[in-house]
PDB file of all heavy atoms in Angstrom:
ATOM      1  N   GLU A   1     157.693 131.374 171.679  1.00  0.00           N
ATOM      2  CA  GLU A   1     156.600 130.650 170.895  1.00  0.00           C
ATOM      3  C   GLU A   1     157.136 130.150 169.624  1.00  0.00           C
ATOM      4  O   GLU A   1     156.800 129.045 169.155  1.00  0.00           O
ATOM      5  CB  GLU A   1     155.410 131.516 170.782  1.00  0.00           C
ATOM      6  CG  GLU A   1     154.724 131.944 172.009  1.00  0.00           C
ATOM      7  CD  GLU A   1     154.468 130.750 172.949  1.00  0.00           C
ATOM      8  OE1 GLU A   1     153.833 129.752 172.460  1.00  0.00           O
ATOM      9  OE2 GLU A   1     154.730 130.822 174.200  1.00  0.00           O
ATOM     10  N   ILE A   2     157.961 130.976 168.973  1.00  0.00           N
ATOM     11  CA  ILE A   2     158.576 130.558 167.700  1.00  0.00           C
ATOM     12  C   ILE A   2     159.450 129.322 167.894  1.00  0.00           C
ATOM     13  O   ILE A   2     159.411 128.339 167.112  1.00  0.00           O
ATOM     14  CB  ILE A   2     159.484 131.706 167.077  1.00  0.00           C
ATOM     15  CG1 ILE A   2     158.617 132.965 166.783  1.00  0.00           C
ATOM     16  CG2 ILE A   2     160.267 131.209 165.832  1.00  0.00           C
ATOM     17  CD1 ILE A   2     159.464 134.139 166.300  1.00  0.00           C
ATOM     18  N   ALA A   3     160.207 129.355 169.024  1.00  0.00           N
ATOM     19  CA  ALA A   3     161.109 128.262 169.322  1.00  0.00           C
ATOM     20  C   ALA A   3     160.353 126.948 169.500  1.00  0.00           C
ATOM     21  O   ALA A   3     160.750 125.885 169.018  1.00  0.00           O
ATOM     22  CB  ALA A   3     161.901 128.617 170.596  1.00  0.00           C
ATOM     23  N   LYS A   4     159.208 127.008 170.252  1.00  0.00           N
ATOM     24  CA  LYS A   4     158.476 125.813 170.420  1.00  0.00           C
ATOM     25  C   LYS A   4     157.933 125.207 169.168  1.00  0.00           C
ATOM     26  O   LYS A   4     158.051 124.003 168.931  1.00  0.00           O
ATOM     27  CB  LYS A   4     157.254 126.159 171.312  1.00  0.00           C
ATOM     28  CG  LYS A   4     157.657 126.541 172.802  1.00  0.00           C
ATOM     29  CD  LYS A   4     156.404 126.904 173.608  1.00  0.00           C
ATOM     30  CE  LYS A   4     156.772 127.391 174.981  1.00  0.00           C
ATOM     31  NZ  LYS A   4     155.629 127.831 175.725  1.00  0.00           N
ATOM     32  N   GLU A   5     157.465 126.096 168.253  1.00  0.00           N
ATOM     33  CA  GLU A   5     156.953 125.627 167.041  1.00  0.00           C
ATOM     34  C   GLU A   5     157.949 125.104 166.076  1.00  0.00           C
ATOM     35  O   GLU A   5     157.836 124.028 165.461  1.00  0.00           O
ATOM     36  CB  GLU A   5     156.109 126.727 166.319  1.00  0.00           C
ATOM     37  CG  GLU A   5     155.316 126.303 165.095  1.00  0.00           C
ATOM     38  CD  GLU A   5     154.259 125.302 165.398  1.00  0.00           C
ATOM     39  OE1 GLU A   5     153.673 125.300 166.518  1.00  0.00           O
ATOM     40  OE2 GLU A   5     154.024 124.365 164.521  1.00  0.00           O
ATOM     41  N   VAL A   6     159.054 125.832 165.875  1.00  0.00           N
ATOM     42  CA  VAL A   6     160.080 125.390 164.895  1.00  0.00           C
ATOM     43  C   VAL A   6     160.792 124.069 165.379  1.00  0.00           C
ATOM     44  O   VAL A   6     161.197 123.248 164.599  1.00  0.00           O
ATOM     45  CB  VAL A   6     161.062 126.497 164.522  1.00  0.00           C
ATOM     46  CG1 VAL A   6     160.358 127.704 163.949  1.00  0.00           C
ATOM     47  CG2 VAL A   6     161.940 126.909 165.738  1.00  0.00           C
ATOM     48  N   LYS A   7     160.858 123.937 166.718  1.00  0.00           N
ATOM     49  CA  LYS A   7     161.448 122.690 167.198  1.00  0.00           C
ATOM     50  C   LYS A   7     160.500 121.453 166.826  1.00  0.00           C
ATOM     51  O   LYS A   7     160.984 120.444 166.424  1.00  0.00           O
ATOM     52  CB  LYS A   7     161.643 122.706 168.722  1.00  0.00           C
ATOM     53  CG  LYS A   7     162.295 121.419 169.229  1.00  0.00           C
ATOM     54  CD  LYS A   7     162.397 121.424 170.746  1.00  0.00           C
ATOM     55  CE  LYS A   7     163.053 120.176 171.210  1.00  0.00           C
ATOM     56  NZ  LYS A   7     163.139 120.047 172.678  1.00  0.00           N
ATOM     57  N   LYS A   8     159.217 121.658 167.036  1.00  0.00           N
ATOM     58  CA  LYS A   8     158.291 120.655 166.627  1.00  0.00           C
ATOM     59  C   LYS A   8     158.389 120.258 165.110  1.00  0.00           C
ATOM     60  O   LYS A   8     158.138 119.141 164.738  1.00  0.00           O
ATOM     61  CB  LYS A   8     156.820 121.087 166.897  1.00  0.00           C
ATOM     62  CG  LYS A   8     156.432 121.046 168.373  1.00  0.00           C
ATOM     63  CD  LYS A   8     154.937 121.130 168.586  1.00  0.00           C
ATOM     64  CE  LYS A   8     154.350 122.351 168.021  1.00  0.00           C
ATOM     65  NZ  LYS A   8     152.919 122.562 168.279  1.00  0.00           N
ATOM     66  N   ARG A   9     158.778 121.281 164.352  1.00  0.00           N
ATOM     67  CA  ARG A   9     158.843 121.077 162.853  1.00  0.00           C
ATOM     68  C   ARG A   9     160.138 120.488 162.475  1.00  0.00           C
ATOM     69  O   ARG A   9     160.290 120.140 161.245  1.00  0.00           O
ATOM     70  CB  ARG A   9     158.662 122.461 162.141  1.00  0.00           C
ATOM     71  CG  ARG A   9     157.311 123.120 162.434  1.00  0.00           C
ATOM     72  CD  ARG A   9     156.131 122.366 161.821  1.00  0.00           C
ATOM     73  NE  ARG A   9     154.852 123.117 162.031  1.00  0.00           N
ATOM     74  CZ  ARG A   9     153.878 123.135 161.204  1.00  0.00           C
ATOM     75  NH1 ARG A   9     154.035 122.656 159.990  1.00  0.00           N
ATOM     76  NH2 ARG A   9     152.759 123.768 161.543  1.00  0.00           N
ATOM     77  N   GLY A  10     161.118 120.373 163.308  1.00  0.00           N
ATOM     78  CA  GLY A  10     162.321 119.688 162.968  1.00  0.00           C
ATOM     79  C   GLY A  10     163.631 120.560 163.012  1.00  0.00           C
ATOM     80  O   GLY A  10     164.707 120.096 162.691  1.00  0.00           O
ATOM     81  N   ALA A  11     163.496 121.927 163.453  1.00  0.00           N
ATOM     82  CA  ALA A  11     164.638 122.675 163.674  1.00  0.00           C
ATOM     83  C   ALA A  11     165.615 122.106 164.641  1.00  0.00           C
ATOM     84  O   ALA A  11     165.169 121.687 165.640  1.00  0.00           O
ATOM     85  CB  ALA A  11     164.261 124.139 163.798  1.00  0.00           C
ATOM     86  N   SER A  12     166.907 122.316 164.457  1.00  0.00           N
ATOM     87  CA  SER A  12     167.890 121.869 165.398  1.00  0.00           C
ATOM     88  C   SER A  12     168.559 122.874 166.288  1.00  0.00           C
ATOM     89  O   SER A  12     169.108 122.644 167.334  1.00  0.00           O
ATOM     90  CB  SER A  12     168.984 121.061 164.649  1.00  0.00           C
ATOM     91  OG  SER A  12     168.502 120.004 163.946  1.00  0.00           O
ATOM     92  N   LEU A  13     168.431 124.115 165.794  1.00  0.00           N
ATOM     93  CA  LEU A  13     169.190 125.217 166.491  1.00  0.00           C
ATOM     94  C   LEU A  13     168.479 126.569 166.203  1.00  0.00           C
ATOM     95  O   LEU A  13     167.843 126.725 165.179  1.00  0.00           O
ATOM     96  CB  LEU A  13     170.560 125.306 165.921  1.00  0.00           C
ATOM     97  CG  LEU A  13     171.650 126.287 166.515  1.00  0.00           C
ATOM     98  CD1 LEU A  13     172.018 125.842 167.882  1.00  0.00           C
ATOM     99  CD2 LEU A  13     172.841 126.296 165.605  1.00  0.00           C
ATOM    100  N   MET A  14     168.610 127.520 167.203  1.00  0.00           N
ATOM    101  CA  MET A  14     168.062 128.822 166.919  1.00  0.00           C
ATOM    102  C   MET A  14     169.182 129.892 167.187  1.00  0.00           C
ATOM    103  O   MET A  14     170.160 129.661 167.909  1.00  0.00           O
ATOM    104  CB  MET A  14     166.850 129.179 167.804  1.00  0.00           C
ATOM    105  CG  MET A  14     165.602 128.663 167.206  1.00  0.00           C
ATOM    106  SD  MET A  14     164.093 129.302 168.020  1.00  0.00           S
ATOM    107  CE  MET A  14     164.094 131.062 167.515  1.00  0.00           C
ATOM    108  N   ASN A  15     169.093 131.042 166.435  1.00  0.00           N
ATOM    109  CA  ASN A  15     169.991 132.106 166.558  1.00  0.00           C
ATOM    110  C   ASN A  15     169.152 133.400 166.732  1.00  0.00           C
ATOM    111  O   ASN A  15     168.336 133.728 165.864  1.00  0.00           O
ATOM    112  CB  ASN A  15     170.831 132.187 165.308  1.00  0.00           C
ATOM    113  CG  ASN A  15     171.766 133.300 165.295  1.00  0.00           C
ATOM    114  OD1 ASN A  15     172.193 133.860 166.296  1.00  0.00           O
ATOM    115  ND2 ASN A  15     172.234 133.746 164.077  1.00  0.00           N
ATOM    116  N   ILE A  16     169.293 134.057 167.888  1.00  0.00           N
ATOM    117  CA  ILE A  16     168.433 135.242 168.127  1.00  0.00           C
ATOM    118  C   ILE A  16     169.408 136.450 167.755  1.00  0.00           C
ATOM    119  O   ILE A  16     170.417 136.612 168.395  1.00  0.00           O
ATOM    120  CB  ILE A  16     168.058 135.361 169.628  1.00  0.00           C
ATOM    121  CG1 ILE A  16     167.492 134.017 170.131  1.00  0.00           C
ATOM    122  CG2 ILE A  16     167.021 136.503 169.823  1.00  0.00           C
ATOM    123  CD1 ILE A  16     166.362 133.425 169.330  1.00  0.00           C
ATOM    124  N   LEU A  17     168.934 137.225 166.883  1.00  0.00           N
ATOM    125  CA  LEU A  17     169.733 138.418 166.398  1.00  0.00           C
ATOM    126  C   LEU A  17     169.138 139.748 166.848  1.00  0.00           C
ATOM    127  O   LEU A  17     167.911 139.863 166.908  1.00  0.00           O
ATOM    128  CB  LEU A  17     169.769 138.386 164.832  1.00  0.00           C
ATOM    129  CG  LEU A  17     170.303 137.140 164.226  1.00  0.00           C
ATOM    130  CD1 LEU A  17     169.978 137.206 162.704  1.00  0.00           C
ATOM    131  CD2 LEU A  17     171.767 137.023 164.359  1.00  0.00           C
ATOM    132  N   PRO A  18     170.010 140.630 167.249  1.00  0.00           N
ATOM    133  CA  PRO A  18     169.406 141.989 167.626  1.00  0.00           C
ATOM    134  C   PRO A  18     169.016 142.752 166.377  1.00  0.00           C
ATOM    135  O   PRO A  18     169.693 142.728 165.331  1.00  0.00           O
ATOM    136  CB  PRO A  18     170.603 142.651 168.308  1.00  0.00           C
ATOM    137  CG  PRO A  18     171.885 142.055 167.632  1.00  0.00           C
ATOM    138  CD  PRO A  18     171.445 140.701 167.365  1.00  0.00           C
ATOM    139  N   LEU A  19     167.898 143.493 166.488  1.00  0.00           N
ATOM    140  CA  LEU A  19     167.476 144.383 165.450  1.00  0.00           C
ATOM    141  C   LEU A  19     168.490 145.352 165.096  1.00  0.00           C
ATOM    142  O   LEU A  19     169.113 145.991 166.050  1.00  0.00           O
ATOM    143  CB  LEU A  19     166.186 145.038 165.845  1.00  0.00           C
ATOM    144  CG  LEU A  19     165.645 146.190 164.883  1.00  0.00           C
ATOM    145  CD1 LEU A  19     165.060 145.585 163.636  1.00  0.00           C
ATOM    146  CD2 LEU A  19     164.692 147.037 165.574  1.00  0.00           C
ATOM    147  N   ILE A  20     168.839 145.542 163.818  1.00  0.00           N
ATOM    148  CA  ILE A  20     169.586 146.727 163.436  1.00  0.00           C
ATOM    149  C   ILE A  20     168.586 147.733 162.907  1.00  0.00           C
ATOM    150  O   ILE A  20     167.949 147.528 161.805  1.00  0.00           O
ATOM    151  CB  ILE A  20     170.586 146.323 162.310  1.00  0.00           C
ATOM    152  CG1 ILE A  20     171.534 145.210 162.776  1.00  0.00           C
ATOM    153  CG2 ILE A  20     171.394 147.508 161.745  1.00  0.00           C
ATOM    154  CD1 ILE A  20     172.440 144.678 161.650  1.00  0.00           C
ATOM    155  N   PRO A  21     168.415 148.844 163.636  1.00  0.00           N
ATOM    156  CA  PRO A  21     167.324 149.752 163.253  1.00  0.00           C
ATOM    157  C   PRO A  21     167.515 150.426 161.958  1.00  0.00           C
ATOM    158  O   PRO A  21     168.422 151.375 161.856  1.00  0.00           O
ATOM    159  CB  PRO A  21     167.240 150.768 164.463  1.00  0.00           C
ATOM    160  CG  PRO A  21     167.966 150.053 165.533  1.00  0.00           C
ATOM    161  CD  PRO A  21     168.989 149.207 164.934  1.00  0.00           C
ATOM    162  N   LEU A  22     166.854 150.057 160.910  1.00  0.00           N
ATOM    163  CA  LEU A  22     166.954 150.676 159.580  1.00  0.00           C
ATOM    164  C   LEU A  22     165.584 150.684 158.922  1.00  0.00           C
ATOM    165  O   LEU A  22     164.582 150.104 159.404  1.00  0.00           O
ATOM    166  CB  LEU A  22     167.870 149.736 158.713  1.00  0.00           C
ATOM    167  CG  LEU A  22     169.377 149.633 159.027  1.00  0.00           C
ATOM    168  CD1 LEU A  22     170.036 148.507 158.237  1.00  0.00           C
ATOM    169  CD2 LEU A  22     170.091 150.929 158.789  1.00  0.00           C
ATOM    170  N   ASN A  23     165.541 151.366 157.766  1.00  0.00           N
ATOM    171  CA  ASN A  23     164.335 151.463 156.986  1.00  0.00           C
ATOM    172  C   ASN A  23     163.166 151.875 157.813  1.00  0.00           C
ATOM    173  O   ASN A  23     163.151 152.886 158.538  1.00  0.00           O
ATOM    174  CB  ASN A  23     164.189 150.076 156.335  1.00  0.00           C
ATOM    175  CG  ASN A  23     163.265 150.144 155.073  1.00  0.00           C
ATOM    176  OD1 ASN A  23     162.780 151.216 154.679  1.00  0.00           O
ATOM    177  ND2 ASN A  23     162.973 148.956 154.516  1.00  0.00           N
ATOM    178  N   LYS A  24     162.028 151.213 157.705  1.00  0.00           N
ATOM    179  CA  LYS A  24     160.824 151.542 158.417  1.00  0.00           C
ATOM    180  C   LYS A  24     160.971 151.440 159.895  1.00  0.00           C
ATOM    181  O   LYS A  24     160.109 151.893 160.706  1.00  0.00           O
ATOM    182  CB  LYS A  24     159.647 150.788 157.890  1.00  0.00           C
ATOM    183  CG  LYS A  24     159.212 151.080 156.535  1.00  0.00           C
ATOM    184  CD  LYS A  24     157.927 150.366 156.110  1.00  0.00           C
ATOM    185  CE  LYS A  24     157.405 150.713 154.823  1.00  0.00           C
ATOM    186  NZ  LYS A  24     156.107 150.000 154.472  1.00  0.00           N
ATOM    187  N   MET A  25     161.983 150.755 160.327  1.00  0.00           N
ATOM    188  CA  MET A  25     162.230 150.515 161.814  1.00  0.00           C
ATOM    189  C   MET A  25     163.370 151.271 162.282  1.00  0.00           C
ATOM    190  O   MET A  25     163.976 150.905 163.381  1.00  0.00           O
ATOM    191  CB  MET A  25     162.368 148.995 162.099  1.00  0.00           C
ATOM    192  CG  MET A  25     161.058 148.248 161.912  1.00  0.00           C
ATOM    193  SD  MET A  25     161.124 146.477 162.429  1.00  0.00           S
ATOM    194  CE  MET A  25     159.341 146.049 162.440  1.00  0.00           C
ATOM    195  N   LYS A  26     163.763 152.282 161.632  1.00  0.00           N
ATOM    196  CA  LYS A  26     164.929 153.101 162.036  1.00  0.00           C
ATOM    197  C   LYS A  26     164.737 153.753 163.338  1.00  0.00           C
ATOM    198  O   LYS A  26     165.803 154.036 163.986  1.00  0.00           O
ATOM    199  CB  LYS A  26     165.277 154.095 160.936  1.00  0.00           C
ATOM    200  CG  LYS A  26     164.203 155.168 160.685  1.00  0.00           C
ATOM    201  CD  LYS A  26     164.681 156.106 159.538  1.00  0.00           C
ATOM    202  CE  LYS A  26     163.593 157.089 159.181  1.00  0.00           C
ATOM    203  NZ  LYS A  26     163.105 157.914 160.229  1.00  0.00           N
ATOM    204  N   ASP A  27     163.501 153.926 163.772  1.00  0.00           N
ATOM    205  CA  ASP A  27     163.311 154.621 165.065  1.00  0.00           C
ATOM    206  C   ASP A  27     163.144 153.645 166.219  1.00  0.00           C
ATOM    207  O   ASP A  27     162.835 154.048 167.295  1.00  0.00           O
ATOM    208  CB  ASP A  27     162.070 155.596 165.008  1.00  0.00           C
ATOM    209  CG  ASP A  27     162.351 156.739 164.031  1.00  0.00           C
ATOM    210  OD1 ASP A  27     163.493 157.171 163.921  1.00  0.00           O
ATOM    211  OD2 ASP A  27     161.402 157.142 163.325  1.00  0.00           O
ATOM    212  N   PHE A  28     163.079 152.385 165.890  1.00  0.00           N
ATOM    213  CA  PHE A  28     163.016 151.364 166.967  1.00  0.00           C
ATOM    214  C   PHE A  28     164.335 151.315 167.752  1.00  0.00           C
ATOM    215  O   PHE A  28     165.433 151.592 167.281  1.00  0.00           O
ATOM    216  CB  PHE A  28     162.799 149.939 166.354  1.00  0.00           C
ATOM    217  CG  PHE A  28     161.336 149.632 166.066  1.00  0.00           C
ATOM    218  CD1 PHE A  28     160.650 150.315 165.121  1.00  0.00           C
ATOM    219  CD2 PHE A  28     160.700 148.655 166.800  1.00  0.00           C
ATOM    220  CE1 PHE A  28     159.299 150.051 164.856  1.00  0.00           C
ATOM    221  CE2 PHE A  28     159.334 148.346 166.503  1.00  0.00           C
ATOM    222  CZ  PHE A  28     158.615 149.083 165.534  1.00  0.00           C
ATOM    223  N   GLU A  29     164.206 150.926 169.043  1.00  0.00           N
ATOM    224  CA  GLU A  29     165.381 150.745 169.852  1.00  0.00           C
ATOM    225  C   GLU A  29     166.111 149.400 169.469  1.00  0.00           C
ATOM    226  O   GLU A  29     165.425 148.408 169.220  1.00  0.00           O
ATOM    227  CB  GLU A  29     164.953 150.613 171.335  1.00  0.00           C
ATOM    228  CG  GLU A  29     164.499 151.937 171.915  1.00  0.00           C
ATOM    229  CD  GLU A  29     165.585 153.066 171.999  1.00  0.00           C
ATOM    230  OE1 GLU A  29     166.685 152.722 172.294  1.00  0.00           O
ATOM    231  OE2 GLU A  29     165.252 154.198 171.860  1.00  0.00           O
ATOM    232  N   ARG A  30     167.387 149.425 169.459  1.00  0.00           N
ATOM    233  CA  ARG A  30     168.145 148.205 169.321  1.00  0.00           C
ATOM    234  C   ARG A  30     168.085 147.486 170.704  1.00  0.00           C
ATOM    235  O   ARG A  30     168.295 148.124 171.757  1.00  0.00           O
ATOM    236  CB  ARG A  30     169.594 148.458 168.957  1.00  0.00           C
ATOM    237  CG  ARG A  30     170.435 147.216 168.692  1.00  0.00           C
ATOM    238  CD  ARG A  30     171.866 147.659 168.397  1.00  0.00           C
ATOM    239  NE  ARG A  30     172.668 146.406 168.168  1.00  0.00           N
ATOM    240  CZ  ARG A  30     173.050 145.988 167.040  1.00  0.00           C
ATOM    241  NH1 ARG A  30     172.708 146.592 165.918  1.00  0.00           N
ATOM    242  NH2 ARG A  30     173.844 144.890 166.923  1.00  0.00           N
ATOM    243  N   PRO A  31     167.818 146.210 170.742  1.00  0.00           N
ATOM    244  CA  PRO A  31     167.772 145.544 172.048  1.00  0.00           C
ATOM    245  C   PRO A  31     169.072 145.547 172.768  1.00  0.00           C
ATOM    246  O   PRO A  31     170.146 145.423 172.202  1.00  0.00           O
ATOM    247  CB  PRO A  31     167.338 144.063 171.621  1.00  0.00           C
ATOM    248  CG  PRO A  31     167.765 143.900 170.265  1.00  0.00           C
ATOM    249  CD  PRO A  31     167.543 145.258 169.611  1.00  0.00           C
ATOM    250  N   ASP A  32     169.002 145.783 174.108  1.00  0.00           N
ATOM    251  CA  ASP A  32     170.199 145.821 174.867  1.00  0.00           C
ATOM    252  C   ASP A  32     170.727 144.415 175.278  1.00  0.00           C
ATOM    253  O   ASP A  32     169.929 143.439 174.951  1.00  0.00           O
ATOM    254  CB  ASP A  32     170.066 146.719 176.134  1.00  0.00           C
ATOM    255  CG  ASP A  32     168.971 146.251 177.064  1.00  0.00           C
ATOM    256  OD1 ASP A  32     168.618 145.011 176.994  1.00  0.00           O
ATOM    257  OD2 ASP A  32     168.505 146.983 177.904  1.00  0.00           O
ATOM    258  N   CYS A  33     171.830 144.299 175.837  1.00  0.00           N
ATOM    259  CA  CYS A  33     172.387 142.959 176.167  1.00  0.00           C
ATOM    260  C   CYS A  33     171.498 142.175 177.159  1.00  0.00           C
ATOM    261  O   CYS A  33     171.389 140.983 177.030  1.00  0.00           O
ATOM    262  CB  CYS A  33     173.808 143.173 176.769  1.00  0.00           C
ATOM    263  SG  CYS A  33     175.038 143.715 175.597  1.00  0.00           S
ATOM    264  N   ALA A  34     170.904 142.889 178.064  1.00  0.00           N
ATOM    265  CA  ALA A  34     170.035 142.246 179.092  1.00  0.00           C
ATOM    266  C   ALA A  34     168.820 141.536 178.386  1.00  0.00           C
ATOM    267  O   ALA A  34     168.439 140.424 178.721  1.00  0.00           O
ATOM    268  CB  ALA A  34     169.613 143.224 180.121  1.00  0.00           C
ATOM    269  N   MET A  35     168.193 142.295 177.470  1.00  0.00           N
ATOM    270  CA  MET A  35     167.072 141.747 176.726  1.00  0.00           C
ATOM    271  C   MET A  35     167.504 140.559 175.899  1.00  0.00           C
ATOM    272  O   MET A  35     166.842 139.447 175.873  1.00  0.00           O
ATOM    273  CB  MET A  35     166.367 142.779 175.915  1.00  0.00           C
ATOM    274  CG  MET A  35     165.197 142.205 175.071  1.00  0.00           C
ATOM    275  SD  MET A  35     164.377 143.459 174.026  1.00  0.00           S
ATOM    276  CE  MET A  35     163.521 144.498 175.325  1.00  0.00           C
ATOM    277  N   MET A  36     168.600 140.673 175.211  1.00  0.00           N
ATOM    278  CA  MET A  36     169.073 139.574 174.390  1.00  0.00           C
ATOM    279  C   MET A  36     169.384 138.309 175.224  1.00  0.00           C
ATOM    280  O   MET A  36     168.984 137.209 174.780  1.00  0.00           O
ATOM    281  CB  MET A  36     170.383 140.031 173.638  1.00  0.00           C
ATOM    282  CG  MET A  36     170.185 141.081 172.596  1.00  0.00           C
ATOM    283  SD  MET A  36     169.200 140.552 171.122  1.00  0.00           S
ATOM    284  CE  MET A  36     170.163 139.131 170.599  1.00  0.00           C
ATOM    285  N   GLU A  37     170.008 138.488 176.320  1.00  0.00           N
ATOM    286  CA  GLU A  37     170.375 137.307 177.103  1.00  0.00           C
ATOM    287  C   GLU A  37     169.071 136.733 177.737  1.00  0.00           C
ATOM    288  O   GLU A  37     169.062 135.432 177.821  1.00  0.00           O
ATOM    289  CB  GLU A  37     171.333 137.718 178.230  1.00  0.00           C
ATOM    290  CG  GLU A  37     172.678 137.989 177.741  1.00  0.00           C
ATOM    291  CD  GLU A  37     173.268 136.799 176.948  1.00  0.00           C
ATOM    292  OE1 GLU A  37     173.365 135.637 177.456  1.00  0.00           O
ATOM    293  OE2 GLU A  37     173.588 137.013 175.717  1.00  0.00           O
ATOM    294  N   LYS A  38     168.193 137.519 178.174  1.00  0.00           N
ATOM    295  CA  LYS A  38     166.954 136.996 178.691  1.00  0.00           C
ATOM    296  C   LYS A  38     166.220 136.105 177.698  1.00  0.00           C
ATOM    297  O   LYS A  38     165.797 134.994 177.986  1.00  0.00           O
ATOM    298  CB  LYS A  38     166.032 138.142 179.130  1.00  0.00           C
ATOM    299  CG  LYS A  38     164.628 137.725 179.659  1.00  0.00           C
ATOM    300  CD  LYS A  38     163.827 138.921 180.037  1.00  0.00           C
ATOM    301  CE  LYS A  38     162.446 138.484 180.582  1.00  0.00           C
ATOM    302  NZ  LYS A  38     161.556 138.022 179.499  1.00  0.00           N
ATOM    303  N   VAL A  39     166.029 136.623 176.449  1.00  0.00           N
ATOM    304  CA  VAL A  39     165.299 135.815 175.449  1.00  0.00           C
ATOM    305  C   VAL A  39     166.151 134.600 175.004  1.00  0.00           C
ATOM    306  O   VAL A  39     165.584 133.512 174.898  1.00  0.00           O
ATOM    307  CB  VAL A  39     165.084 136.791 174.214  1.00  0.00           C
ATOM    308  CG1 VAL A  39     164.495 135.924 173.044  1.00  0.00           C
ATOM    309  CG2 VAL A  39     164.115 137.887 174.554  1.00  0.00           C
ATOM    310  N   ARG A  40     167.448 134.690 174.877  1.00  0.00           N
ATOM    311  CA  ARG A  40     168.253 133.602 174.585  1.00  0.00           C
ATOM    312  C   ARG A  40     168.119 132.470 175.668  1.00  0.00           C
ATOM    313  O   ARG A  40     168.077 131.297 175.340  1.00  0.00           O
ATOM    314  CB  ARG A  40     169.712 133.972 174.367  1.00  0.00           C
ATOM    315  CG  ARG A  40     169.910 134.675 173.022  1.00  0.00           C
ATOM    316  CD  ARG A  40     171.319 135.302 172.972  1.00  0.00           C
ATOM    317  NE  ARG A  40     171.680 135.860 171.594  1.00  0.00           N
ATOM    318  CZ  ARG A  40     172.601 136.684 171.304  1.00  0.00           C
ATOM    319  NH1 ARG A  40     173.365 137.175 172.314  1.00  0.00           N
ATOM    320  NH2 ARG A  40     172.816 137.056 170.066  1.00  0.00           N
ATOM    321  N   ASP A  41     168.205 132.941 176.883  1.00  0.00           N
ATOM    322  CA  ASP A  41     168.025 131.959 177.962  1.00  0.00           C
ATOM    323  C   ASP A  41     166.734 131.205 177.980  1.00  0.00           C
ATOM    324  O   ASP A  41     166.640 130.004 178.173  1.00  0.00           O
ATOM    325  CB  ASP A  41     168.278 132.624 179.326  1.00  0.00           C
ATOM    326  CG  ASP A  41     169.726 133.060 179.593  1.00  0.00           C
ATOM    327  OD1 ASP A  41     170.640 132.562 178.812  1.00  0.00           O
ATOM    328  OD2 ASP A  41     169.950 133.882 180.524  1.00  0.00           O
ATOM    329  N   GLU A  42     165.655 131.952 177.662  1.00  0.00           N
ATOM    330  CA  GLU A  42     164.364 131.382 177.616  1.00  0.00           C
ATOM    331  C   GLU A  42     164.252 130.380 176.451  1.00  0.00           C
ATOM    332  O   GLU A  42     163.685 129.277 176.608  1.00  0.00           O
ATOM    333  CB  GLU A  42     163.245 132.542 177.526  1.00  0.00           C
ATOM    334  CG  GLU A  42     163.108 133.343 178.714  1.00  0.00           C
ATOM    335  CD  GLU A  42     162.231 134.544 178.494  1.00  0.00           C
ATOM    336  OE1 GLU A  42     161.913 134.864 177.318  1.00  0.00           O
ATOM    337  OE2 GLU A  42     161.905 135.224 179.461  1.00  0.00           O
TER     338      GLU A  42
END
């Protein structure tokens, strides 16, 4: 949904970054390769 909106606004490229679990999100899981590729492909 972010991709759809920012493209409409004039963005030319997106970069999907994996969470580095730090600070208040230190207990979150880092996304695995499969999740990263799925989202990037979409």
